[in-house]
Amino acid sequence: MPIEIVFVRHAICTGNAAERASCQGDHTLFTSDVRNKKSVDWPLLPFGFRQAEKVGEKIRECISEEFDYYLTSDILRAVETAQHLGFDGVEWKTNALLRERNWGGVENIPLSERQEVFDRLGISSTEDSLDWRPPRGESMISIVRRIQLFLKWTQQHLSGKRLLIVSHGGPVQAMRVIQHNIAPQDYRLFISGDNYIRNCHVFQYSMRSYGDVEIPKFRLERSLFAKVNGGWQDSTQELQNK
């Protein structure tokens, strides 16, 4: 199995900025470009490029200057993040299993309009279970299964390797659900509060816990992200894998 996996959520893109502003009641960043462009084609903002450069420097400083294998989602914002992490001369390979959750198009509209869609369809507007899914979108349980397939692939093809991966909030959260052995009834609590996954949030998984398992499980999870004040939040916890 891989001896280390480092997941990085992509840097901030146009759609991320629009949603954050919409949460505060400002829907003006949902411009025609954000509304009409497929979310897979949302580019990073200039600040996002700087985020990627900064977190790349931190990875080299605190984790490693090199890895055996470099993987990224094939979605634009992840590819652009990977290219700006500063690991010069490496080959980034794309893998569709690392794609963001499909939100069915509701990600292209402000929260006020999104609420109207959910109300009309009688669907909760907030994720409340592993089975919850937006209209025409994917549930978290489907993303968990996708990441399980990805981990099985790494088990078969990248045993003994150290991996650096750029992906999205959904797949990173799915990785955490798998590694923490989160039961369905505990999912809603698990994703609340401090478990919010930020742009350029790094999760490092290391130390093999078990032998020849089908899906790699790790003993330690390290969380690393830039704080608003310019410092870094760095914490490690032991995973209770069984």
C-alpha atoms as a PDB file:
ATOM      1  CA  MET A   1       0.000   0.000   0.000  1.00  0.00           C
ATOM      2  CA  PRO A   2       1.149   3.644  -0.353  1.00  0.00           C
ATOM      3  CA  ILE A   3       3.180   4.662   2.671  1.00  0.00           C
ATOM      4  CA  GLU A   4       1.990   8.271   2.529  1.00  0.00           C
ATOM      5  CA  ILE A   5      -0.827  10.208   0.845  1.00  0.00           C
ATOM      6  CA  VAL A   6      -1.013  13.998   0.934  1.00  0.00           C
ATOM      7  CA  PHE A   7      -4.356  15.454  -0.220  1.00  0.00           C
ATOM      8  CA  VAL A   8      -4.632  19.155  -1.102  1.00  0.00           C
ATOM      9  CA  ARG A   9      -7.936  20.854  -1.820  1.00  0.00           C
ATOM     10  CA  HIS A  10      -7.615  23.231  -4.791  1.00  0.00           C
ATOM     11  CA  ALA A  11      -7.137  26.985  -4.338  1.00  0.00           C
ATOM     12  CA  ILE A  12     -10.003  29.479  -4.510  1.00  0.00           C
ATOM     13  CA  CYS A  13     -11.767  29.811  -7.859  1.00  0.00           C
ATOM     14  CA  THR A  14     -14.433  32.147  -9.229  1.00  0.00           C
ATOM     15  CA  GLY A  15     -17.298  29.920  -8.084  1.00  0.00           C
ATOM     16  CA  ASN A  16     -15.910  29.579  -4.556  1.00  0.00           C
ATOM     17  CA  ALA A  17     -15.690  33.351  -4.184  1.00  0.00           C
ATOM     18  CA  ALA A  18     -19.244  33.812  -5.491  1.00  0.00           C
ATOM     19  CA  GLU A  19     -20.645  31.259  -3.044  1.00  0.00           C
ATOM     20  CA  ARG A  20     -18.821  32.751  -0.067  1.00  0.00           C
ATOM     21  CA  ALA A  21     -20.167  36.202  -0.883  1.00  0.00           C
ATOM     22  CA  SER A  22     -23.651  34.763  -1.408  1.00  0.00           C
ATOM     23  CA  CYS A  23     -23.540  33.215   2.075  1.00  0.00           C
ATOM     24  CA  GLN A  24     -23.113  36.793   3.361  1.00  0.00           C
ATOM     25  CA  GLY A  25     -26.032  38.076   1.316  1.00  0.00           C
ATOM     26  CA  ASP A  26     -24.029  39.475  -1.604  1.00  0.00           C
ATOM     27  CA  HIS A  27     -25.029  37.664  -4.815  1.00  0.00           C
ATOM     28  CA  THR A  28     -23.266  40.009  -7.253  1.00  0.00           C
ATOM     29  CA  LEU A  29     -20.295  37.690  -7.836  1.00  0.00           C
ATOM     30  CA  PHE A  30     -22.628  35.239  -9.528  1.00  0.00           C
ATOM     31  CA  THR A  31     -21.925  37.004 -12.804  1.00  0.00           C
ATOM     32  CA  SER A  32     -23.093  35.675 -16.154  1.00  0.00           C
ATOM     33  CA  ASP A  33     -19.693  34.017 -16.533  1.00  0.00           C
ATOM     34  CA  VAL A  34     -20.045  32.084 -13.253  1.00  0.00           C
ATOM     35  CA  ARG A  35     -23.689  31.239 -13.957  1.00  0.00           C
ATOM     36  CA  ASN A  36     -23.238  30.107 -17.551  1.00  0.00           C
ATOM     37  CA  LYS A  37     -19.844  28.422 -17.461  1.00  0.00           C
ATOM     38  CA  LYS A  38     -19.780  24.783 -16.396  1.00  0.00           C
ATOM     39  CA  SER A  39     -18.332  24.575 -12.906  1.00  0.00           C
ATOM     40  CA  VAL A  40     -15.610  22.196 -14.134  1.00  0.00           C
ATOM     41  CA  ASP A  41     -14.284  25.171 -16.121  1.00  0.00           C
ATOM     42  CA  TRP A  42     -14.217  27.706 -13.278  1.00  0.00           C
ATOM     43  CA  PRO A  43     -10.648  29.115 -13.165  1.00  0.00           C
ATOM     44  CA  LEU A  44      -8.638  30.101 -10.112  1.00  0.00           C
ATOM     45  CA  LEU A  45      -8.700  33.710  -9.032  1.00  0.00           C
ATOM     46  CA  PRO A  46      -5.370  35.588  -8.930  1.00  0.00           C
ATOM     47  CA  PHE A  47      -5.443  35.149  -5.148  1.00  0.00           C
ATOM     48  CA  GLY A  48      -5.891  31.432  -5.755  1.00  0.00           C
ATOM     49  CA  PHE A  49      -2.615  31.253  -7.649  1.00  0.00           C
ATOM     50  CA  ARG A  50      -0.883  32.906  -4.691  1.00  0.00           C
ATOM     51  CA  GLN A  51      -2.619  30.452  -2.324  1.00  0.00           C
ATOM     52  CA  ALA A  52      -1.292  27.520  -4.351  1.00  0.00           C
ATOM     53  CA  GLU A  53       2.245  28.900  -4.379  1.00  0.00           C
ATOM     54  CA  LYS A  54       2.152  29.500  -0.631  1.00  0.00           C
ATOM     55  CA  VAL A  55       0.846  26.053   0.270  1.00  0.00           C
ATOM     56  CA  GLY A  56       3.347  24.440  -2.082  1.00  0.00           C
ATOM     57  CA  GLU A  57       6.149  26.160  -0.203  1.00  0.00           C
ATOM     58  CA  LYS A  58       4.654  24.947   3.098  1.00  0.00           C
ATOM     59  CA  ILE A  59       4.427  21.358   1.871  1.00  0.00           C
ATOM     60  CA  ARG A  60       8.086  21.401   0.873  1.00  0.00           C
ATOM     61  CA  GLU A  61       9.033  22.988   4.200  1.00  0.00           C
ATOM     62  CA  CYS A  62       6.935  20.816   6.537  1.00  0.00           C
ATOM     63  CA  ILE A  63       6.276  17.556   4.689  1.00  0.00           C
ATOM     64  CA  SER A  64       8.606  16.842   1.782  1.00  0.00           C
ATOM     65  CA  GLU A  65      10.397  18.429  -1.163  1.00  0.00           C
ATOM     66  CA  GLU A  66       9.507  15.519  -3.423  1.00  0.00           C
ATOM     67  CA  PHE A  67       7.048  12.665  -3.845  1.00  0.00           C
ATOM     68  CA  ASP A  68       7.004   9.499  -5.893  1.00  0.00           C
ATOM     69  CA  TYR A  69       3.752  10.225  -7.695  1.00  0.00           C
ATOM     70  CA  TYR A  70       1.774  13.397  -8.453  1.00  0.00           C
ATOM     71  CA  LEU A  71      -1.953  13.166  -9.149  1.00  0.00           C
ATOM     72  CA  THR A  72      -4.702  15.702  -9.767  1.00  0.00           C
ATOM     73  CA  SER A  73      -8.361  15.829 -10.659  1.00  0.00           C
ATOM     74  CA  ASP A  74      -8.854  16.688 -14.320  1.00  0.00           C
ATOM     75  CA  ILE A  75     -11.068  19.677 -13.417  1.00  0.00           C
ATOM     76  CA  LEU A  76      -9.508  23.049 -14.307  1.00  0.00           C
ATOM     77  CA  ARG A  77      -9.216  24.557 -10.816  1.00  0.00           C
ATOM     78  CA  ALA A  78      -7.405  21.459  -9.534  1.00  0.00           C
ATOM     79  CA  VAL A  79      -5.069  21.315 -12.537  1.00  0.00           C
ATOM     80  CA  GLU A  80      -4.211  25.012 -12.153  1.00  0.00           C
ATOM     81  CA  THR A  81      -3.554  24.507  -8.435  1.00  0.00           C
ATOM     82  CA  ALA A  82      -1.236  21.567  -9.115  1.00  0.00           C
ATOM     83  CA  GLN A  83       0.687  23.574 -11.696  1.00  0.00           C
ATOM     84  CA  HIS A  84       1.257  26.428  -9.218  1.00  0.00           C
ATOM     85  CA  LEU A  85       2.367  24.390  -6.196  1.00  0.00           C
ATOM     86  CA  GLY A  86       5.942  24.861  -7.383  1.00  0.00           C
ATOM     87  CA  PHE A  87       7.013  21.242  -7.820  1.00  0.00           C
ATOM     88  CA  ASP A  88       8.958  22.047 -10.958  1.00  0.00           C
ATOM     89  CA  GLY A  89       9.766  19.380 -13.494  1.00  0.00           C
ATOM     90  CA  VAL A  90       7.342  16.770 -12.152  1.00  0.00           C
ATOM     91  CA  GLU A  91       4.647  15.046 -14.194  1.00  0.00           C
ATOM     92  CA  TRP A  92       1.136  15.595 -12.891  1.00  0.00           C
ATOM     93  CA  LYS A  93      -1.198  12.786 -13.938  1.00  0.00           C
ATOM     94  CA  THR A  94      -4.947  13.388 -14.027  1.00  0.00           C
ATOM     95  CA  ASN A  95      -7.418  10.907 -12.558  1.00  0.00           C
ATOM     96  CA  ALA A  96     -11.195  11.297 -13.006  1.00  0.00           C
ATOM     97  CA  LEU A  97     -11.867   9.441  -9.728  1.00  0.00           C
ATOM     98  CA  LEU A  98     -10.557  12.579  -7.981  1.00  0.00           C
ATOM     99  CA  ARG A  99     -13.204  14.830  -9.559  1.00  0.00           C
ATOM    100  CA  GLU A 100     -15.420  17.050  -7.453  1.00  0.00           C
ATOM    101  CA  ARG A 101     -18.873  15.929  -6.463  1.00  0.00           C
ATOM    102  CA  ASN A 102     -21.485  16.605  -9.130  1.00  0.00           C
ATOM    103  CA  TRP A 103     -23.846  19.269  -7.734  1.00  0.00           C
ATOM    104  CA  GLY A 104     -26.279  19.049 -10.632  1.00  0.00           C
ATOM    105  CA  GLY A 105     -25.969  22.709 -11.612  1.00  0.00           C
ATOM    106  CA  VAL A 106     -27.177  24.316  -8.364  1.00  0.00           C
ATOM    107  CA  GLU A 107     -23.600  25.458  -7.767  1.00  0.00           C
ATOM    108  CA  ASN A 108     -24.097  27.957 -10.629  1.00  0.00           C
ATOM    109  CA  ILE A 109     -26.792  29.990  -8.867  1.00  0.00           C
ATOM    110  CA  PRO A 110     -26.828  32.146  -5.686  1.00  0.00           C
ATOM    111  CA  LEU A 111     -28.004  30.675  -2.406  1.00  0.00           C
ATOM    112  CA  SER A 112     -31.290  32.593  -2.576  1.00  0.00           C
ATOM    113  CA  GLU A 113     -32.211  30.983  -5.898  1.00  0.00           C
ATOM    114  CA  ARG A 114     -30.813  27.650  -4.780  1.00  0.00           C
ATOM    115  CA  GLN A 115     -33.139  27.672  -1.787  1.00  0.00           C
ATOM    116  CA  GLU A 116     -36.110  28.154  -4.101  1.00  0.00           C
ATOM    117  CA  VAL A 117     -35.063  25.076  -6.092  1.00  0.00           C
ATOM    118  CA  PHE A 118     -34.747  22.911  -2.984  1.00  0.00           C
ATOM    119  CA  ASP A 119     -38.052  24.178  -1.578  1.00  0.00           C
ATOM    120  CA  ARG A 120     -39.869  23.473  -4.837  1.00  0.00           C
ATOM    121  CA  LEU A 121     -38.537  19.911  -4.905  1.00  0.00           C
ATOM    122  CA  GLY A 122     -39.020  19.316  -1.181  1.00  0.00           C
ATOM    123  CA  ILE A 123     -35.321  18.627  -0.587  1.00  0.00           C
ATOM    124  CA  SER A 124     -33.338  19.842   2.408  1.00  0.00           C
ATOM    125  CA  SER A 125     -31.064  22.697   1.328  1.00  0.00           C
ATOM    126  CA  THR A 126     -28.277  21.519   3.635  1.00  0.00           C
ATOM    127  CA  GLU A 127     -26.452  18.215   3.555  1.00  0.00           C
ATOM    128  CA  ASP A 128     -27.868  16.141   6.404  1.00  0.00           C
ATOM    129  CA  SER A 129     -26.745  12.576   5.630  1.00  0.00           C
ATOM    130  CA  LEU A 130     -24.446  10.447   3.495  1.00  0.00           C
ATOM    131  CA  ASP A 131     -27.409   9.772   1.193  1.00  0.00           C
ATOM    132  CA  TRP A 132     -28.414  13.425   0.699  1.00  0.00           C
ATOM    133  CA  ARG A 133     -27.880  14.714  -2.801  1.00  0.00           C
ATOM    134  CA  PRO A 134     -28.738  17.865  -4.715  1.00  0.00           C
ATOM    135  CA  PRO A 135     -31.119  17.602  -7.676  1.00  0.00           C
ATOM    136  CA  ARG A 136     -29.425  15.593 -10.481  1.00  0.00           C
ATOM    137  CA  GLY A 137     -26.273  15.511  -8.343  1.00  0.00           C
ATOM    138  CA  GLU A 138     -24.237  12.989  -6.369  1.00  0.00           C
ATOM    139  CA  SER A 139     -24.598  11.873  -2.769  1.00  0.00           C
ATOM    140  CA  MET A 140     -21.601  11.728  -0.457  1.00  0.00           C
ATOM    141  CA  ILE A 141     -21.919   7.948  -0.279  1.00  0.00           C
ATOM    142  CA  SER A 142     -21.291   7.833  -4.035  1.00  0.00           C
ATOM    143  CA  ILE A 143     -18.150   9.964  -3.562  1.00  0.00           C
ATOM    144  CA  VAL A 144     -16.995   7.662  -0.744  1.00  0.00           C
ATOM    145  CA  ARG A 145     -17.346   4.687  -3.082  1.00  0.00           C
ATOM    146  CA  ARG A 146     -15.438   6.534  -5.787  1.00  0.00           C
ATOM    147  CA  ILE A 147     -12.552   7.299  -3.413  1.00  0.00           C
ATOM    148  CA  GLN A 148     -12.604   3.680  -2.239  1.00  0.00           C
ATOM    149  CA  LEU A 149     -12.067   2.673  -5.870  1.00  0.00           C
ATOM    150  CA  PHE A 150      -9.223   5.174  -6.100  1.00  0.00           C
ATOM    151  CA  LEU A 151      -7.602   3.790  -2.942  1.00  0.00           C
ATOM    152  CA  LYS A 152      -7.931   0.235  -4.260  1.00  0.00           C
ATOM    153  CA  TRP A 153      -6.153   1.400  -7.394  1.00  0.00           C
ATOM    154  CA  THR A 154      -3.308   2.917  -5.369  1.00  0.00           C
ATOM    155  CA  GLN A 155      -3.088  -0.335  -3.398  1.00  0.00           C
ATOM    156  CA  GLN A 156      -2.622  -2.279  -6.626  1.00  0.00           C
ATOM    157  CA  HIS A 157      -0.351   0.083  -8.533  1.00  0.00           C
ATOM    158  CA  LEU A 158       1.416   2.440  -6.117  1.00  0.00           C
ATOM    159  CA  SER A 159       2.409   0.237  -3.210  1.00  0.00           C
ATOM    160  CA  GLY A 160       5.263   1.685  -1.176  1.00  0.00           C
ATOM    161  CA  LYS A 161       4.945   5.094  -2.862  1.00  0.00           C
ATOM    162  CA  ARG A 162       4.470   8.594  -1.461  1.00  0.00           C
ATOM    163  CA  LEU A 163       1.669  10.471  -3.248  1.00  0.00           C
ATOM    164  CA  LEU A 164       0.803  14.151  -3.601  1.00  0.00           C
ATOM    165  CA  ILE A 165      -2.799  14.664  -4.736  1.00  0.00           C
ATOM    166  CA  VAL A 166      -4.789  17.777  -5.666  1.00  0.00           C
ATOM    167  CA  SER A 167      -8.539  17.309  -5.487  1.00  0.00           C
ATOM    168  CA  HIS A 168     -11.731  18.936  -4.184  1.00  0.00           C
ATOM    169  CA  GLY A 169     -13.723  19.330  -0.992  1.00  0.00           C
ATOM    170  CA  GLY A 170     -16.007  16.361  -1.702  1.00  0.00           C
ATOM    171  CA  PRO A 171     -13.309  13.754  -2.388  1.00  0.00           C
ATOM    172  CA  VAL A 172     -11.152  15.044   0.479  1.00  0.00           C
ATOM    173  CA  GLN A 173     -14.111  14.745   2.849  1.00  0.00           C
ATOM    174  CA  ALA A 174     -14.780  11.245   1.502  1.00  0.00           C
ATOM    175  CA  MET A 175     -11.166  10.307   2.269  1.00  0.00           C
ATOM    176  CA  ARG A 176     -11.674  11.542   5.822  1.00  0.00           C
ATOM    177  CA  VAL A 177     -14.925   9.580   6.208  1.00  0.00           C
ATOM    178  CA  ILE A 178     -13.077   6.422   5.137  1.00  0.00           C
ATOM    179  CA  GLN A 179     -10.019   6.981   7.306  1.00  0.00           C
ATOM    180  CA  HIS A 180     -12.039   7.953  10.394  1.00  0.00           C
ATOM    181  CA  ASN A 181     -14.520   5.083   9.912  1.00  0.00           C
ATOM    182  CA  ILE A 182     -17.463   7.481  10.167  1.00  0.00           C
ATOM    183  CA  ALA A 183     -20.782   5.704  10.662  1.00  0.00           C
ATOM    184  CA  PRO A 184     -23.789   7.044   8.698  1.00  0.00           C
ATOM    185  CA  GLN A 185     -25.472   8.316  11.859  1.00  0.00           C
ATOM    186  CA  ASP A 186     -22.359  10.311  12.773  1.00  0.00           C
ATOM    187  CA  TYR A 187     -21.789  11.955   9.392  1.00  0.00           C
ATOM    188  CA  ARG A 188     -23.758  15.157   9.954  1.00  0.00           C
ATOM    189  CA  LEU A 189     -21.856  15.914  13.159  1.00  0.00           C
ATOM    190  CA  PHE A 190     -18.532  14.975  11.550  1.00  0.00           C
ATOM    191  CA  ILE A 191     -18.809  17.561   8.750  1.00  0.00           C
ATOM    192  CA  SER A 192     -19.848  20.409  11.053  1.00  0.00           C
ATOM    193  CA  GLY A 193     -17.771  22.964  12.933  1.00  0.00           C
ATOM    194  CA  ASP A 194     -14.006  22.617  12.729  1.00  0.00           C
ATOM    195  CA  ASN A 195     -14.174  19.913  10.054  1.00  0.00           C
ATOM    196  CA  TYR A 196     -14.779  22.495   7.324  1.00  0.00           C
ATOM    197  CA  ILE A 197     -12.310  21.888   4.477  1.00  0.00           C
ATOM    198  CA  ARG A 198     -10.729  25.124   3.296  1.00  0.00           C
ATOM    199  CA  ASN A 199      -9.192  26.012  -0.037  1.00  0.00           C
ATOM    200  CA  CYS A 200      -5.606  24.703  -0.105  1.00  0.00           C
ATOM    201  CA  HIS A 201      -6.280  22.684   3.050  1.00  0.00           C
ATOM    202  CA  VAL A 202      -3.707  19.890   3.320  1.00  0.00           C
ATOM    203  CA  PHE A 203      -4.368  16.451   4.812  1.00  0.00           C
ATOM    204  CA  GLN A 204      -1.370  14.159   5.261  1.00  0.00           C
ATOM    205  CA  TYR A 205      -1.912  10.447   5.890  1.00  0.00           C
ATOM    206  CA  SER A 206       1.067   8.423   6.991  1.00  0.00           C
ATOM    207  CA  MET A 207       2.267   5.329   8.869  1.00  0.00           C
ATOM    208  CA  ARG A 208       0.818   2.069   7.670  1.00  0.00           C
ATOM    209  CA  SER A 209      -1.486   0.558  10.269  1.00  0.00           C
ATOM    210  CA  TYR A 210      -2.140  -2.845   8.804  1.00  0.00           C
ATOM    211  CA  GLY A 211      -0.837  -5.367   6.329  1.00  0.00           C
ATOM    212  CA  ASP A 212      -2.187  -6.330   2.935  1.00  0.00           C
ATOM    213  CA  VAL A 213      -5.591  -4.609   3.088  1.00  0.00           C
ATOM    214  CA  GLU A 214      -7.926  -3.992   0.168  1.00  0.00           C
ATOM    215  CA  ILE A 215      -8.334  -0.273   0.911  1.00  0.00           C
ATOM    216  CA  PRO A 216      -5.332   1.536   2.461  1.00  0.00           C
ATOM    217  CA  LYS A 217      -5.926   2.744   6.002  1.00  0.00           C
ATOM    218  CA  PHE A 218      -3.471   4.985   7.822  1.00  0.00           C
ATOM    219  CA  ARG A 219      -2.611   5.596  11.440  1.00  0.00           C
ATOM    220  CA  LEU A 220      -2.059   9.360  11.449  1.00  0.00           C
ATOM    221  CA  GLU A 221      -3.931  12.280   9.899  1.00  0.00           C
ATOM    222  CA  ARG A 222      -2.285  15.679   9.824  1.00  0.00           C
ATOM    223  CA  SER A 223      -4.304  18.814   8.994  1.00  0.00           C
ATOM    224  CA  LEU A 224      -2.501  21.925   7.739  1.00  0.00           C
ATOM    225  CA  PHE A 225      -4.034  25.176   6.513  1.00  0.00           C
ATOM    226  CA  ALA A 226      -3.320  28.917   6.382  1.00  0.00           C
ATOM    227  CA  LYS A 227      -5.165  30.996   8.966  1.00  0.00           C
ATOM    228  CA  VAL A 228      -6.709  34.393   8.267  1.00  0.00           C
ATOM    229  CA  ASN A 229      -4.009  36.130  10.334  1.00  0.00           C
ATOM    230  CA  GLY A 230      -1.285  34.707   8.110  1.00  0.00           C
ATOM    231  CA  GLY A 231      -0.144  31.921  10.416  1.00  0.00           C
ATOM    232  CA  TRP A 232      -0.685  28.204   9.961  1.00  0.00           C
ATOM    233  CA  GLN A 233      -2.912  25.758  11.805  1.00  0.00           C
ATOM    234  CA  ASP A 234      -1.063  22.449  12.091  1.00  0.00           C
ATOM    235  CA  SER A 235      -2.487  19.508  14.015  1.00  0.00           C
ATOM    236  CA  THR A 236      -2.123  15.718  14.003  1.00  0.00           C
ATOM    237  CA  GLN A 237      -4.426  13.030  15.324  1.00  0.00           C
ATOM    238  CA  GLU A 238      -4.271   9.260  15.505  1.00  0.00           C
ATOM    239  CA  LEU A 239      -6.891   7.408  13.504  1.00  0.00           C
ATOM    240  CA  GLN A 240      -8.763   4.538  15.123  1.00  0.00           C
ATOM    241  CA  ASN A 241      -8.844   2.210  12.119  1.00  0.00           C
ATOM    242  CA  LYS A 242     -10.137  -1.332  12.634  1.00  0.00           C
END
